[in-house]
N, C-alpha and C. Protein backbone atom coordinates (compact mmCIF):
# COMPACT_ATOMS: atom_id res chain seq x y z
N MET A 1 75.62 62.10 116.57
CA MET A 1 75.74 62.30 117.99
C MET A 1 75.18 63.68 118.30
N GLN A 2 74.43 63.75 119.36
CA GLN A 2 73.92 65.02 119.86
C GLN A 2 74.42 65.22 121.28
N VAL A 3 74.85 66.43 121.56
CA VAL A 3 75.32 66.80 122.89
C VAL A 3 74.39 67.89 123.39
N ARG A 4 73.82 67.69 124.55
CA ARG A 4 72.86 68.65 125.10
C ARG A 4 73.24 69.04 126.52
N GLN A 5 73.52 70.34 126.68
CA GLN A 5 73.76 70.94 128.00
C GLN A 5 74.85 70.20 128.79
N LEU A 6 75.89 69.75 128.11
CA LEU A 6 76.96 68.97 128.74
C LEU A 6 77.84 69.88 129.60
N SER A 7 78.08 69.46 130.83
CA SER A 7 78.90 70.23 131.77
C SER A 7 79.84 69.32 132.54
N LYS A 8 81.00 69.89 132.90
CA LYS A 8 81.97 69.18 133.74
C LYS A 8 82.68 70.21 134.60
N HIS A 9 82.75 69.92 135.89
CA HIS A 9 83.40 70.80 136.85
C HIS A 9 84.52 70.05 137.55
N PHE A 10 85.58 70.76 137.86
CA PHE A 10 86.66 70.23 138.70
C PHE A 10 86.76 71.19 139.87
N GLY A 11 86.15 70.80 141.00
CA GLY A 11 86.06 71.73 142.12
C GLY A 11 85.23 72.94 141.70
N GLY A 12 85.77 74.13 141.89
CA GLY A 12 85.06 75.34 141.50
C GLY A 12 85.29 75.76 140.06
N VAL A 13 86.08 75.00 139.32
CA VAL A 13 86.39 75.35 137.93
C VAL A 13 85.36 74.71 137.00
N HIS A 14 84.70 75.54 136.20
CA HIS A 14 83.73 75.06 135.21
C HIS A 14 84.49 74.80 133.92
N ALA A 15 84.98 73.59 133.73
CA ALA A 15 85.78 73.25 132.55
C ALA A 15 84.94 73.26 131.28
N VAL A 16 83.73 72.71 131.36
CA VAL A 16 82.77 72.71 130.25
C VAL A 16 81.43 73.11 130.84
N ASP A 17 80.81 74.12 130.25
CA ASP A 17 79.61 74.69 130.86
C ASP A 17 78.45 74.74 129.85
N HIS A 18 77.56 73.76 129.92
CA HIS A 18 76.33 73.69 129.13
C HIS A 18 76.57 73.76 127.62
N VAL A 19 77.34 72.81 127.10
CA VAL A 19 77.66 72.76 125.68
C VAL A 19 76.58 71.99 124.92
N ASP A 20 76.19 72.53 123.78
CA ASP A 20 75.28 71.87 122.84
C ASP A 20 75.99 71.76 121.49
N CYS A 21 75.90 70.60 120.85
CA CYS A 21 76.41 70.46 119.48
C CYS A 21 75.87 69.18 118.87
N ASP A 22 75.88 69.14 117.54
CA ASP A 22 75.49 67.97 116.78
C ASP A 22 76.67 67.55 115.92
N LEU A 23 76.98 66.27 115.92
CA LEU A 23 78.06 65.71 115.11
C LEU A 23 77.47 64.61 114.25
N TYR A 24 77.98 64.48 113.02
CA TYR A 24 77.37 63.56 112.06
C TYR A 24 78.34 62.46 111.64
N VAL A 25 77.79 61.33 111.25
CA VAL A 25 78.57 60.16 110.84
C VAL A 25 79.55 60.53 109.73
N GLY A 26 80.80 60.11 109.91
CA GLY A 26 81.83 60.34 108.91
C GLY A 26 82.42 61.74 108.93
N GLU A 27 81.92 62.58 109.80
CA GLU A 27 82.38 63.96 109.87
C GLU A 27 83.65 64.04 110.71
N CYS A 28 84.63 64.79 110.23
CA CYS A 28 85.82 65.10 111.01
C CYS A 28 85.64 66.50 111.56
N VAL A 29 85.75 66.64 112.86
CA VAL A 29 85.49 67.92 113.50
C VAL A 29 86.75 68.38 114.22
N GLY A 30 87.15 69.62 113.96
CA GLY A 30 88.24 70.24 114.70
C GLY A 30 87.64 71.12 115.77
N LEU A 31 88.19 71.08 116.95
CA LEU A 31 87.69 71.86 118.08
C LEU A 31 88.72 72.92 118.43
N LEU A 32 88.33 74.19 118.30
CA LEU A 32 89.26 75.30 118.51
C LEU A 32 88.84 76.12 119.73
N GLY A 33 89.82 76.70 120.38
CA GLY A 33 89.54 77.60 121.50
C GLY A 33 90.82 77.95 122.22
N HIS A 34 90.72 78.94 123.08
CA HIS A 34 91.88 79.38 123.87
C HIS A 34 92.31 78.30 124.85
N ASN A 35 93.52 78.44 125.37
CA ASN A 35 93.97 77.54 126.44
C ASN A 35 93.01 77.63 127.61
N GLY A 36 92.65 76.48 128.14
CA GLY A 36 91.74 76.44 129.29
C GLY A 36 90.28 76.59 128.94
N ALA A 37 89.95 76.58 127.65
CA ALA A 37 88.55 76.76 127.23
C ALA A 37 87.70 75.50 127.41
N GLY A 38 88.33 74.34 127.64
CA GLY A 38 87.57 73.12 127.87
C GLY A 38 87.54 72.16 126.69
N LYS A 39 88.37 72.42 125.68
CA LYS A 39 88.37 71.56 124.48
C LYS A 39 88.71 70.12 124.83
N THR A 40 89.78 69.92 125.58
CA THR A 40 90.22 68.57 125.93
C THR A 40 89.20 67.88 126.83
N VAL A 41 88.65 68.61 127.78
CA VAL A 41 87.65 68.02 128.68
C VAL A 41 86.42 67.59 127.90
N LEU A 42 85.95 68.43 126.98
CA LEU A 42 84.79 68.06 126.16
C LEU A 42 85.10 66.81 125.33
N SER A 43 86.26 66.81 124.68
CA SER A 43 86.65 65.64 123.88
C SER A 43 86.71 64.38 124.73
N LYS A 44 87.24 64.51 125.92
CA LYS A 44 87.35 63.34 126.80
C LYS A 44 85.99 62.86 127.29
N MET A 45 85.03 63.76 127.46
CA MET A 45 83.68 63.31 127.82
C MET A 45 83.04 62.58 126.65
N LEU A 46 83.22 63.10 125.43
CA LEU A 46 82.62 62.47 124.25
C LEU A 46 83.25 61.13 123.93
N SER A 47 84.49 60.93 124.38
CA SER A 47 85.18 59.68 124.07
C SER A 47 85.26 58.72 125.26
N GLY A 48 84.55 59.02 126.35
CA GLY A 48 84.45 58.07 127.45
C GLY A 48 85.54 58.14 128.49
N VAL A 49 86.43 59.12 128.41
CA VAL A 49 87.49 59.24 129.41
C VAL A 49 86.93 59.84 130.70
N TYR A 50 86.14 60.90 130.57
CA TYR A 50 85.49 61.55 131.71
C TYR A 50 83.99 61.37 131.60
N ALA A 51 83.33 61.27 132.75
CA ALA A 51 81.87 61.27 132.78
C ALA A 51 81.41 62.72 132.98
N PRO A 52 80.39 63.16 132.25
CA PRO A 52 79.89 64.51 132.46
C PRO A 52 79.22 64.64 133.82
N ASP A 53 79.24 65.85 134.39
CA ASP A 53 78.52 66.10 135.63
C ASP A 53 77.03 66.29 135.37
N SER A 54 76.71 66.86 134.21
CA SER A 54 75.30 67.03 133.83
C SER A 54 75.22 67.11 132.32
N GLY A 55 73.99 67.03 131.83
CA GLY A 55 73.77 67.05 130.39
C GLY A 55 73.67 65.65 129.84
N SER A 56 73.54 65.55 128.53
CA SER A 56 73.36 64.23 127.92
C SER A 56 74.10 64.13 126.59
N ILE A 57 74.49 62.90 126.30
CA ILE A 57 75.10 62.55 125.02
C ILE A 57 74.18 61.51 124.38
N LEU A 58 73.76 61.79 123.15
CA LEU A 58 72.90 60.85 122.43
C LEU A 58 73.62 60.36 121.19
N VAL A 59 73.58 59.06 120.97
CA VAL A 59 74.15 58.45 119.78
C VAL A 59 73.01 57.74 119.06
N ARG A 60 72.79 58.13 117.81
CA ARG A 60 71.68 57.61 117.01
C ARG A 60 70.35 57.75 117.76
N GLY A 61 70.19 58.87 118.46
CA GLY A 61 68.94 59.18 119.15
C GLY A 61 68.78 58.57 120.53
N GLU A 62 69.71 57.72 120.94
CA GLU A 62 69.62 57.06 122.25
C GLU A 62 70.65 57.66 123.21
N GLU A 63 70.22 57.96 124.44
CA GLU A 63 71.15 58.50 125.42
C GLU A 63 72.16 57.42 125.82
N VAL A 64 73.43 57.82 125.91
CA VAL A 64 74.50 56.89 126.27
C VAL A 64 75.25 57.42 127.48
N HIS A 65 75.82 56.50 128.24
CA HIS A 65 76.66 56.82 129.39
C HIS A 65 77.92 55.97 129.26
N PHE A 66 78.99 56.57 128.75
CA PHE A 66 80.21 55.84 128.53
C PHE A 66 80.96 55.62 129.84
N GLU A 67 81.35 54.39 130.09
CA GLU A 67 82.15 54.05 131.26
C GLU A 67 83.64 54.08 130.93
N SER A 68 83.95 54.02 129.63
CA SER A 68 85.35 53.95 129.21
C SER A 68 85.46 54.34 127.73
N PRO A 69 86.68 54.61 127.26
CA PRO A 69 86.86 54.86 125.83
C PRO A 69 86.43 53.67 124.97
N ARG A 70 86.55 52.48 125.50
CA ARG A 70 86.11 51.29 124.76
C ARG A 70 84.60 51.36 124.47
N ASP A 71 83.82 51.85 125.44
CA ASP A 71 82.38 52.02 125.24
C ASP A 71 82.11 53.02 124.12
N ALA A 72 82.85 54.12 124.12
CA ALA A 72 82.67 55.14 123.08
C ALA A 72 83.02 54.58 121.71
N ARG A 73 84.13 53.84 121.62
CA ARG A 73 84.52 53.24 120.34
C ARG A 73 83.46 52.25 119.87
N ALA A 74 82.90 51.48 120.81
CA ALA A 74 81.84 50.52 120.43
C ALA A 74 80.61 51.25 119.89
N ALA A 75 80.40 52.49 120.33
CA ALA A 75 79.28 53.30 119.84
C ALA A 75 79.64 54.02 118.54
N GLY A 76 80.88 53.84 118.05
CA GLY A 76 81.28 54.43 116.77
C GLY A 76 82.05 55.73 116.88
N ILE A 77 82.55 56.06 118.07
CA ILE A 77 83.24 57.33 118.26
C ILE A 77 84.74 57.10 118.33
N GLU A 78 85.46 57.73 117.43
CA GLU A 78 86.92 57.71 117.42
C GLU A 78 87.41 59.11 117.70
N THR A 79 88.45 59.24 118.50
CA THR A 79 88.96 60.55 118.89
C THR A 79 90.46 60.60 118.68
N ILE A 80 90.92 61.72 118.13
CA ILE A 80 92.36 61.95 117.99
C ILE A 80 92.72 63.07 118.95
N PHE A 81 93.50 62.75 119.97
CA PHE A 81 93.93 63.74 120.94
C PHE A 81 95.24 64.37 120.50
N GLN A 82 95.61 65.49 121.10
CA GLN A 82 96.85 66.18 120.76
C GLN A 82 98.06 65.28 120.90
N SER A 83 98.06 64.40 121.88
CA SER A 83 99.21 63.53 122.12
C SER A 83 99.38 62.49 121.01
N LEU A 84 98.31 62.24 120.24
CA LEU A 84 98.28 61.34 119.09
C LEU A 84 98.43 59.86 119.41
N ALA A 85 98.93 59.49 120.57
CA ALA A 85 98.96 58.10 121.03
C ALA A 85 99.51 57.12 120.00
N LEU A 86 100.68 57.40 119.47
CA LEU A 86 101.33 56.51 118.52
C LEU A 86 102.59 55.92 119.15
N ALA A 87 102.97 54.76 118.68
CA ALA A 87 104.19 54.10 119.17
C ALA A 87 105.30 54.34 118.16
N ASP A 88 106.36 55.00 118.59
CA ASP A 88 107.47 55.34 117.71
C ASP A 88 108.17 54.12 117.12
N ASN A 89 108.10 52.99 117.81
CA ASN A 89 108.82 51.81 117.36
C ASN A 89 108.01 50.95 116.37
N LEU A 90 106.79 51.37 116.03
CA LEU A 90 105.96 50.60 115.10
C LEU A 90 105.88 51.30 113.75
N ASP A 91 105.69 50.50 112.68
CA ASP A 91 105.49 51.08 111.36
C ASP A 91 104.04 51.56 111.22
N GLY A 92 103.69 52.03 110.02
CA GLY A 92 102.35 52.54 109.77
C GLY A 92 101.24 51.55 110.11
N PRO A 93 101.24 50.35 109.51
CA PRO A 93 100.19 49.38 109.83
C PRO A 93 100.15 49.00 111.32
N GLY A 94 101.32 48.89 111.93
CA GLY A 94 101.36 48.57 113.36
C GLY A 94 100.65 49.62 114.19
N ASN A 95 100.83 50.88 113.84
CA ASN A 95 100.17 51.96 114.56
C ASN A 95 98.69 52.06 114.22
N LEU A 96 98.32 51.75 112.99
CA LEU A 96 96.90 51.81 112.65
C LEU A 96 96.09 50.78 113.43
N PHE A 97 96.69 49.64 113.70
CA PHE A 97 95.97 48.56 114.39
C PHE A 97 96.34 48.44 115.86
N ILE A 98 97.05 49.42 116.42
CA ILE A 98 97.50 49.32 117.80
C ILE A 98 96.30 49.09 118.73
N GLY A 99 96.36 48.05 119.52
CA GLY A 99 95.27 47.70 120.43
C GLY A 99 94.14 46.92 119.78
N ARG A 100 94.18 46.77 118.46
CA ARG A 100 93.13 46.05 117.72
C ARG A 100 93.77 45.21 116.61
N GLU A 101 94.88 44.61 116.93
CA GLU A 101 95.67 43.87 115.95
C GLU A 101 94.85 42.75 115.33
N LEU A 102 95.08 42.52 114.05
CA LEU A 102 94.44 41.41 113.34
C LEU A 102 95.27 40.15 113.58
N MET A 103 94.59 39.05 113.83
CA MET A 103 95.27 37.80 114.15
C MET A 103 94.92 36.74 113.12
N THR A 104 95.85 35.79 112.93
CA THR A 104 95.60 34.64 112.07
C THR A 104 94.77 33.63 112.85
N LYS A 105 94.37 32.56 112.19
CA LYS A 105 93.60 31.53 112.89
C LYS A 105 94.46 30.82 113.95
N TRP A 106 95.79 30.99 113.87
CA TRP A 106 96.70 30.40 114.86
C TRP A 106 97.01 31.37 115.99
N ARG A 107 96.30 32.52 116.01
CA ARG A 107 96.43 33.56 117.04
C ARG A 107 97.81 34.24 117.00
N THR A 108 98.38 34.34 115.80
CA THR A 108 99.60 35.11 115.62
C THR A 108 99.23 36.39 114.86
N LEU A 109 100.09 37.38 114.94
CA LEU A 109 99.85 38.66 114.29
C LEU A 109 99.75 38.47 112.77
N ASP A 110 98.68 38.96 112.18
CA ASP A 110 98.47 38.85 110.73
C ASP A 110 99.00 40.11 110.06
N SER A 111 100.31 40.21 109.96
CA SER A 111 100.97 41.40 109.40
C SER A 111 100.57 41.66 107.96
N ARG A 112 100.44 40.60 107.18
CA ARG A 112 100.09 40.76 105.77
C ARG A 112 98.71 41.39 105.60
N ARG A 113 97.76 40.91 106.37
CA ARG A 113 96.40 41.46 106.28
C ARG A 113 96.35 42.90 106.81
N MET A 114 97.10 43.16 107.88
CA MET A 114 97.16 44.52 108.42
C MET A 114 97.76 45.48 107.39
N GLU A 115 98.80 45.04 106.69
CA GLU A 115 99.42 45.85 105.64
C GLU A 115 98.41 46.12 104.53
N PHE A 116 97.68 45.09 104.11
CA PHE A 116 96.70 45.24 103.04
C PHE A 116 95.59 46.22 103.43
N GLU A 117 95.02 46.03 104.62
CA GLU A 117 93.93 46.90 105.07
C GLU A 117 94.40 48.34 105.25
N SER A 118 95.59 48.53 105.79
CA SER A 118 96.10 49.89 105.99
C SER A 118 96.41 50.56 104.66
N SER A 119 96.90 49.80 103.69
CA SER A 119 97.21 50.39 102.38
C SER A 119 95.95 50.89 101.70
N LYS A 120 94.81 50.24 101.91
CA LYS A 120 93.55 50.70 101.33
C LYS A 120 93.15 52.06 101.91
N VAL A 121 93.31 52.22 103.21
CA VAL A 121 92.97 53.49 103.85
C VAL A 121 93.92 54.59 103.40
N ILE A 122 95.20 54.28 103.40
CA ILE A 122 96.20 55.28 103.00
C ILE A 122 95.99 55.71 101.56
N ALA A 123 95.62 54.78 100.69
CA ALA A 123 95.36 55.11 99.29
C ALA A 123 94.18 56.08 99.16
N ARG A 124 93.20 55.95 100.03
CA ARG A 124 92.07 56.89 100.00
C ARG A 124 92.52 58.29 100.38
N LEU A 125 93.44 58.40 101.34
CA LEU A 125 93.89 59.71 101.79
C LEU A 125 94.96 60.29 100.87
N ASN A 126 95.82 59.42 100.33
CA ASN A 126 96.90 59.88 99.45
C ASN A 126 97.16 58.79 98.40
N PRO A 127 96.52 58.88 97.25
CA PRO A 127 96.67 57.84 96.21
C PRO A 127 98.10 57.69 95.70
N ASN A 128 98.96 58.68 95.91
CA ASN A 128 100.34 58.62 95.43
C ASN A 128 101.27 57.86 96.36
N PHE A 129 100.81 57.57 97.57
CA PHE A 129 101.67 56.88 98.52
C PHE A 129 101.51 55.37 98.33
N LYS A 130 102.61 54.65 98.24
CA LYS A 130 102.54 53.23 97.86
C LYS A 130 102.88 52.25 98.97
N ASN A 131 103.82 52.54 99.86
CA ASN A 131 104.29 51.52 100.80
C ASN A 131 104.08 51.99 102.24
N SER A 132 102.99 51.54 102.85
CA SER A 132 102.66 51.99 104.21
C SER A 132 103.56 51.37 105.27
N SER A 133 104.17 50.23 104.98
CA SER A 133 104.96 49.57 106.02
C SER A 133 106.27 50.29 106.30
N THR A 134 106.74 51.11 105.36
CA THR A 134 108.00 51.81 105.58
C THR A 134 107.79 53.17 106.24
N ARG A 135 106.57 53.54 106.48
CA ARG A 135 106.29 54.84 107.08
C ARG A 135 106.71 54.82 108.53
N CYS A 136 107.64 55.66 108.85
CA CYS A 136 108.20 55.72 110.20
C CYS A 136 107.34 56.60 111.09
N CYS A 137 106.95 56.11 112.24
CA CYS A 137 106.19 56.93 113.18
C CYS A 137 107.12 57.57 114.20
N GLY A 138 108.37 57.19 114.21
CA GLY A 138 109.31 57.76 115.15
C GLY A 138 109.83 59.13 114.73
N CYS A 139 109.52 59.53 113.51
CA CYS A 139 110.00 60.83 113.06
C CYS A 139 109.24 61.94 113.78
N PRO A 140 109.87 63.09 113.97
CA PRO A 140 109.25 64.15 114.75
C PRO A 140 108.17 64.93 114.00
N ALA A 141 107.98 64.69 112.72
CA ALA A 141 107.02 65.47 111.94
C ALA A 141 105.60 65.28 112.46
N ALA A 142 105.03 66.35 112.99
CA ALA A 142 103.69 66.28 113.57
C ALA A 142 102.65 65.91 112.52
N ASN A 143 102.81 66.41 111.29
CA ASN A 143 101.81 66.11 110.26
C ASN A 143 101.78 64.62 109.94
N GLY A 144 102.94 63.97 109.89
CA GLY A 144 102.98 62.53 109.64
C GLY A 144 102.33 61.75 110.76
N ARG A 145 102.59 62.14 111.99
CA ARG A 145 101.99 61.47 113.15
C ARG A 145 100.48 61.70 113.15
N ARG A 146 100.06 62.91 112.83
CA ARG A 146 98.63 63.22 112.82
C ARG A 146 97.93 62.43 111.72
N SER A 147 98.56 62.33 110.55
CA SER A 147 97.91 61.58 109.47
C SER A 147 97.75 60.11 109.86
N ARG A 148 98.72 59.54 110.59
CA ARG A 148 98.59 58.17 111.06
C ARG A 148 97.37 58.03 111.98
N SER A 149 97.13 59.03 112.81
CA SER A 149 95.97 58.98 113.71
C SER A 149 94.66 59.08 112.94
N VAL A 150 94.61 59.93 111.92
CA VAL A 150 93.41 60.04 111.09
C VAL A 150 93.19 58.73 110.34
N GLU A 151 94.26 58.16 109.80
CA GLU A 151 94.15 56.89 109.08
C GLU A 151 93.57 55.81 110.00
N ARG A 152 94.02 55.79 111.26
CA ARG A 152 93.52 54.79 112.21
C ARG A 152 92.02 54.95 112.43
N CYS A 153 91.55 56.18 112.59
CA CYS A 153 90.11 56.41 112.76
C CYS A 153 89.32 55.94 111.55
N ILE A 154 89.83 56.27 110.37
CA ILE A 154 89.15 55.86 109.14
C ILE A 154 89.12 54.35 109.02
N LEU A 155 90.24 53.70 109.32
CA LEU A 155 90.31 52.25 109.24
C LEU A 155 89.32 51.58 110.18
N MET A 156 89.24 52.07 111.41
CA MET A 156 88.38 51.44 112.40
C MET A 156 86.90 51.66 112.13
N ARG A 157 86.56 52.75 111.45
CA ARG A 157 85.18 53.06 111.19
C ARG A 157 84.74 52.74 109.78
N GLY A 158 85.69 52.49 108.87
CA GLY A 158 85.35 52.12 107.51
C GLY A 158 84.78 53.25 106.67
N TYR A 159 85.15 54.49 106.95
CA TYR A 159 84.62 55.64 106.18
C TYR A 159 85.34 55.74 104.86
């Protein structure tokens, strides 16, 4: 992905002002900056939540205009926001597949396949962890919630 001269304004506030960057397939990027620096706004433009006021986003050399986060995901972009967007009442596999649940041929939830697929991803991140279905997302530990979000991105993109 290439970002060229990307800008976003809210009234007189320049939230993002002429940003350039290159991002590569399979790369995990952390975005750092002071409060109000535009990190969230930039992330939301790259993931289809906000439309930029000017500039361009290119994916595989082609300019794209995301209408929604679904468009960005279809282009191969996964984003982990600070809120982490996890459901406290679901186990690990349930959260990894939230919104993209695997179904059986009878259109019922394929829990067994979701468990299998999630265990493969979790094993790549932590080979010592064995049972993904018992992983509680309702616990307050930010690192556990964050790892669930990273696992979901890896699962959806197959990295």
